[in-house]
Protein backbone atom coordinates (compact mmCIF):
# COMPACT_ATOMS: atom_id res chain seq x y z
CA MET A 1 -90.93 -98.60 -31.27
CA HIS A 2 -89.08 -95.54 -32.54
CA VAL A 3 -86.95 -94.54 -29.54
CA ARG A 4 -83.89 -92.93 -31.28
CA PRO A 5 -85.76 -90.02 -32.85
CA ARG A 6 -87.00 -89.01 -29.38
CA LEU A 7 -83.45 -89.01 -27.97
CA LEU A 8 -82.25 -86.81 -30.75
CA ILE A 9 -85.05 -84.32 -30.13
CA ALA A 10 -84.23 -84.21 -26.39
CA SER A 11 -80.54 -83.61 -27.07
CA ALA A 12 -81.38 -80.77 -29.37
CA VAL A 13 -83.64 -79.18 -26.76
CA LEU A 14 -80.88 -79.38 -24.07
CA ALA A 15 -78.35 -77.82 -26.43
CA ALA A 16 -80.71 -74.94 -27.15
CA LEU A 17 -81.34 -74.35 -23.42
CA SER A 18 -77.58 -74.36 -22.76
CA ALA A 19 -77.02 -71.74 -25.44
CA VAL A 20 -79.75 -69.54 -23.97
CA LEU A 21 -78.25 -69.80 -20.42
CA THR A 22 -74.82 -68.95 -21.72
CA ALA A 23 -76.07 -65.85 -23.47
CA CYS A 24 -77.85 -64.66 -20.31
CA THR A 25 -75.17 -65.24 -17.69
CA GLY A 26 -72.05 -64.37 -19.80
CA HIS A 27 -70.17 -67.31 -18.24
CA PRO A 28 -69.58 -69.85 -20.85
CA ASP A 29 -68.43 -73.20 -19.80
CA THR A 30 -65.46 -72.88 -22.06
CA PRO A 31 -63.00 -69.95 -22.30
CA ALA A 32 -63.70 -67.37 -24.90
CA PRO A 33 -61.49 -67.43 -27.90
CA THR A 34 -58.41 -65.12 -27.63
CA ARG A 35 -58.71 -61.84 -29.55
CA SER A 36 -56.15 -61.33 -32.22
CA SER A 37 -53.35 -58.92 -31.22
CA GLY A 38 -53.47 -57.24 -34.57
CA ALA A 39 -57.05 -55.92 -34.06
CA PRO A 40 -57.59 -53.13 -31.52
CA PRO A 41 -60.33 -53.59 -28.94
CA SER A 42 -63.65 -52.14 -29.88
CA GLY A 43 -64.16 -50.44 -26.50
CA PRO A 44 -62.09 -47.87 -24.58
CA ALA A 45 -58.72 -49.06 -23.36
CA SER A 46 -58.70 -50.28 -19.80
CA PRO A 47 -55.86 -49.59 -17.35
CA THR A 48 -53.12 -52.17 -17.20
CA ALA A 49 -53.73 -54.55 -14.37
CA THR A 50 -51.00 -55.09 -11.79
CA GLY A 51 -50.36 -58.21 -9.81
CA SER A 52 -52.65 -57.00 -6.99
CA GLY A 53 -55.46 -56.24 -9.35
CA THR A 54 -55.17 -52.44 -8.78
CA PRO A 55 -54.62 -50.29 -11.88
CA ALA A 56 -51.08 -48.94 -12.02
CA VAL A 57 -50.86 -45.17 -11.52
CA SER A 58 -47.90 -43.50 -13.19
CA SER A 59 -45.96 -41.41 -10.62
CA PRO A 60 -44.21 -38.15 -11.66
CA ALA A 61 -40.51 -38.33 -12.32
CA PRO A 62 -38.41 -37.12 -9.38
CA ALA A 63 -37.19 -33.56 -9.68
CA PRO A 64 -33.45 -33.29 -10.30
CA THR A 65 -31.53 -32.44 -7.16
CA ALA A 66 -29.58 -29.19 -7.50
CA THR A 67 -25.91 -29.64 -6.82
CA SER A 68 -24.82 -26.98 -4.35
CA THR A 69 -21.71 -25.05 -5.25
CA PRO A 70 -19.07 -25.14 -2.53
CA THR A 71 -18.95 -21.93 -0.64
CA SER A 72 -15.86 -19.83 -0.41
CA SER A 73 -15.39 -20.93 3.19
CA ALA A 74 -14.85 -24.52 2.06
CA THR A 75 -12.24 -23.46 -0.44
CA PRO A 76 -8.88 -22.40 1.05
CA ALA A 77 -8.42 -18.68 0.56
CA LYS A 78 -5.65 -17.72 -1.80
CA THR A 79 -2.99 -15.75 0.00
CA GLN A 80 -2.11 -12.66 -1.94
CA THR A 81 1.23 -11.21 -1.01
CA ALA A 82 1.04 -7.47 -1.41
CA SER A 83 4.26 -6.02 -2.66
CA ALA A 84 5.80 -3.64 -0.16
CA ALA A 85 5.40 -0.03 -1.19
CA PRO A 86 8.72 1.69 -1.84
CA ALA A 87 9.85 4.07 0.86
CA PRO A 88 9.20 7.71 0.00
CA ALA A 89 12.24 9.67 -1.12
CA THR A 90 13.78 11.88 1.56
CA ARG A 91 16.41 14.57 1.18
CA LEU A 92 19.13 16.14 3.27
CA SER A 93 18.15 18.62 5.98
CA LEU A 94 20.31 20.98 8.06
CA THR A 95 19.56 22.72 11.35
CA ALA A 96 21.52 24.96 13.74
CA ALA A 97 20.70 25.49 17.41
CA ALA A 98 21.98 27.89 20.10
CA ALA A 99 21.00 28.66 23.67
CA GLY A 100 17.88 30.80 23.56
CA GLY A 101 17.48 30.10 19.84
CA ARG A 102 19.94 32.81 18.75
CA LEU A 103 23.51 34.14 19.07
CA ASN A 104 23.91 37.12 21.42
CA LEU A 105 27.49 38.43 21.32
CA VAL A 106 29.35 41.33 22.92
CA ARG A 107 32.40 42.98 21.36
CA GLY A 108 35.47 41.56 23.08
CA GLY A 109 33.30 39.17 25.12
CA PRO A 110 33.27 35.36 25.36
CA ALA A 111 32.37 33.07 22.49
CA GLN A 112 28.96 31.47 22.30
CA GLU A 113 28.56 27.82 21.28
CA PHE A 114 26.03 26.40 18.86
CA THR A 115 25.54 23.09 17.08
CA VAL A 116 24.93 22.17 13.45
CA THR A 117 23.13 18.93 12.62
CA VAL A 118 23.00 17.37 9.17
CA ARG A 119 20.47 14.60 8.47
CA ASN A 120 20.89 12.93 5.13
CA GLY A 121 17.96 11.41 3.28
CA ASN A 122 17.72 8.17 1.34
CA SER A 123 18.02 9.77 -2.11
CA ARG A 124 21.82 9.86 -2.39
CA ALA A 125 25.12 9.72 -0.55
CA TYR A 126 27.71 12.53 -0.60
CA GLY A 127 31.42 12.07 -1.14
CA HIS A 128 32.43 15.53 0.11
CA LEU A 129 29.88 17.51 2.10
CA LEU A 130 31.17 20.78 3.58
CA ILE A 131 29.56 22.99 6.24
CA ALA A 132 30.16 26.63 5.27
CA PHE A 133 29.25 29.91 7.02
CA GLN A 134 28.47 33.37 5.76
CA MET A 135 27.28 36.67 7.24
CA GLU A 136 26.42 39.96 5.64
CA PRO A 137 28.55 42.87 6.86
CA LEU A 138 27.03 44.90 9.68
CA THR A 139 26.16 48.49 8.88
CA GLY A 140 27.45 49.65 12.29
CA GLU A 141 26.16 52.18 14.77
CA PRO A 142 27.42 55.58 15.86
CA GLY A 143 30.50 55.26 18.04
CA ASP A 144 31.65 51.92 16.60
CA LEU A 145 35.41 51.64 16.23
CA PRO A 146 36.87 50.52 12.92
CA GLY A 147 37.60 46.82 13.01
CA PRO A 148 39.44 44.20 11.03
CA ALA A 149 38.16 42.77 7.78
CA SER A 150 36.79 39.80 9.69
CA PRO A 151 35.50 41.07 13.04
CA TYR A 152 34.51 37.55 14.17
CA VAL A 153 36.32 34.37 15.13
CA LEU A 154 34.54 31.13 14.21
CA GLU A 155 35.86 27.78 15.47
CA ARG A 156 34.87 24.14 15.26
CA ARG A 157 35.51 21.57 17.98
CA ASP A 158 37.43 18.53 16.74
CA PRO A 159 35.58 15.49 18.17
CA ALA A 160 38.73 13.34 18.00
CA THR A 161 40.97 15.63 20.06
CA GLY A 162 38.52 18.05 21.72
CA THR A 163 40.47 21.09 20.46
CA TRP A 164 38.94 24.10 18.73
CA ARG A 165 40.08 24.81 15.18
CA ALA A 166 39.48 27.96 13.14
CA VAL A 167 36.78 27.86 10.46
CA ASP A 168 36.31 30.39 7.66
CA LEU A 169 33.42 32.85 8.02
CA ARG A 170 32.67 34.63 4.76
CA MET A 171 31.52 38.26 5.08
CA ALA A 172 29.67 39.10 1.86
CA THR A 173 26.32 39.92 0.36
CA ASP A 174 26.51 37.50 -2.56
CA ALA A 175 26.45 33.70 -2.70
CA LYS A 176 29.57 31.74 -3.51
CA PRO A 177 28.94 28.75 -5.82
CA ALA A 178 29.44 25.33 -4.32
CA HIS A 179 31.99 24.19 -6.90
CA LEU A 180 34.36 26.96 -5.75
CA TYR A 181 34.61 25.42 -2.28
CA GLU A 182 36.95 22.57 -1.40
CA GLY A 183 37.01 19.85 1.23
CA GLY A 184 34.18 18.21 3.12
CA ALA A 185 33.56 14.77 4.60
CA PRO A 186 31.57 11.80 3.28
CA LEU A 187 27.94 11.45 4.34
CA ALA A 188 26.11 8.17 3.70
CA ARG A 189 22.39 7.76 3.06
CA ASP A 190 20.27 8.30 6.17
CA ALA A 191 23.38 9.29 8.16
CA VAL A 192 23.19 11.97 10.86
CA ARG A 193 26.09 14.20 11.87
CA THR A 194 26.18 16.82 14.64
CA GLU A 195 29.13 19.18 15.12
CA ARG A 196 29.90 21.84 17.72
CA TYR A 197 30.93 25.39 16.81
CA ARG A 198 31.49 28.66 18.65
CA LEU A 199 31.48 32.30 17.51
CA ARG A 200 33.24 35.25 19.16
CA ALA A 201 33.10 38.98 18.31
CA THR A 202 36.39 40.87 18.39
CA ALA A 203 36.87 44.01 20.49
CA THR A 204 36.63 46.35 17.53
CA GLY A 205 34.23 46.37 14.62
CA PRO A 206 30.62 47.30 13.86
CA SER A 207 27.68 46.19 15.94
CA GLY A 208 24.16 45.30 14.91
CA SER A 209 22.13 42.29 13.81
CA SER A 210 22.69 39.99 10.87
CA PRO A 211 21.79 36.28 10.64
CA LEU A 212 24.51 33.67 10.55
CA MET A 213 23.87 31.66 7.38
CA VAL A 214 24.86 27.98 7.47
CA TYR A 215 25.19 25.95 4.28
CA ALA A 216 25.69 22.27 3.49
CA LEU A 217 27.69 22.28 0.25
CA ASP A 218 28.40 19.40 -2.11
CA THR A 219 31.91 20.30 -3.24
CA ASP A 220 31.77 17.56 -5.89
CA ALA A 221 29.11 19.54 -7.78
CA THR A 222 30.18 20.91 -11.15
CA GLU A 223 29.91 24.50 -12.32
CA ALA A 224 26.88 23.65 -14.47
CA ALA A 225 25.03 21.88 -11.62
CA PRO A 226 21.79 23.50 -10.38
CA LEU A 227 22.03 25.50 -7.17
CA ASP A 228 19.84 23.05 -5.23
CA SER A 229 22.09 20.10 -6.08
CA GLY A 230 25.26 21.96 -5.01
CA ARG A 231 23.66 23.40 -1.89
CA PRO A 232 21.33 20.70 -0.52
CA GLY A 233 21.03 22.19 2.99
CA TYR A 234 20.60 25.68 4.45
CA PHE A 235 19.74 27.26 7.81
CA SER A 236 19.67 30.84 9.15
CA LEU A 237 20.56 31.39 12.82
CA PRO A 238 19.55 34.79 14.27
CA HIS A 239 22.47 36.84 15.60
CA THR A 240 23.09 40.19 17.32
CA THR A 241 26.38 41.81 18.33
CA ARG A 242 26.48 44.83 20.67
CA ARG A 243 29.19 47.02 22.13
CA ILE A 244 30.44 46.88 25.69
CA LEU A 245 28.64 49.58 27.59
């Protein structure tokens, strides 16, 4: 008997059937040979598999967070020390005041008091400041009697003793320069000085109206000094002298 050839034929038939089944089902009994890494796959690339079997989806990169700039309220404010503005320059002023705002005199009658106030500014101090008086001569009226060269008596009250002392009253129509005067008292910056005076008309002399001119004179001024620097203060006090009726 020839048994072996039949076994060989049967084995060949089984091998052929196995090959056909493998081709149909796609599940070979043995793992498929690994594809070489150097050759790219023939089909389209498949997504990379994750551990859960779900394709990984690339998420967009997070937007950069804007760093907020600290507001001015968080930063301590810088204290700016404003420099003090200089005080405005002020100058000397002079005023004279009498009862009723004027001097009303009668020939041979009583004297009338008035005050003179000097207010210095902050521009400068004075070493010798003199208060001087001047009046233009009266033209006179009909019936006036001839009088002395100075038909008025001007006096100043001494604050230390309370006595009245004679003061010069210049009768003229021109101005006497400050450097020709002498005397005066110091006056500091921003100082204020008030003095009392009185004026009396003698029994004889002309009558009429003429203002009493009051000057503050800087007797330290030189001959070449401007008029304003030698005469820093001025005031005109109205005045009338009449005869006894």
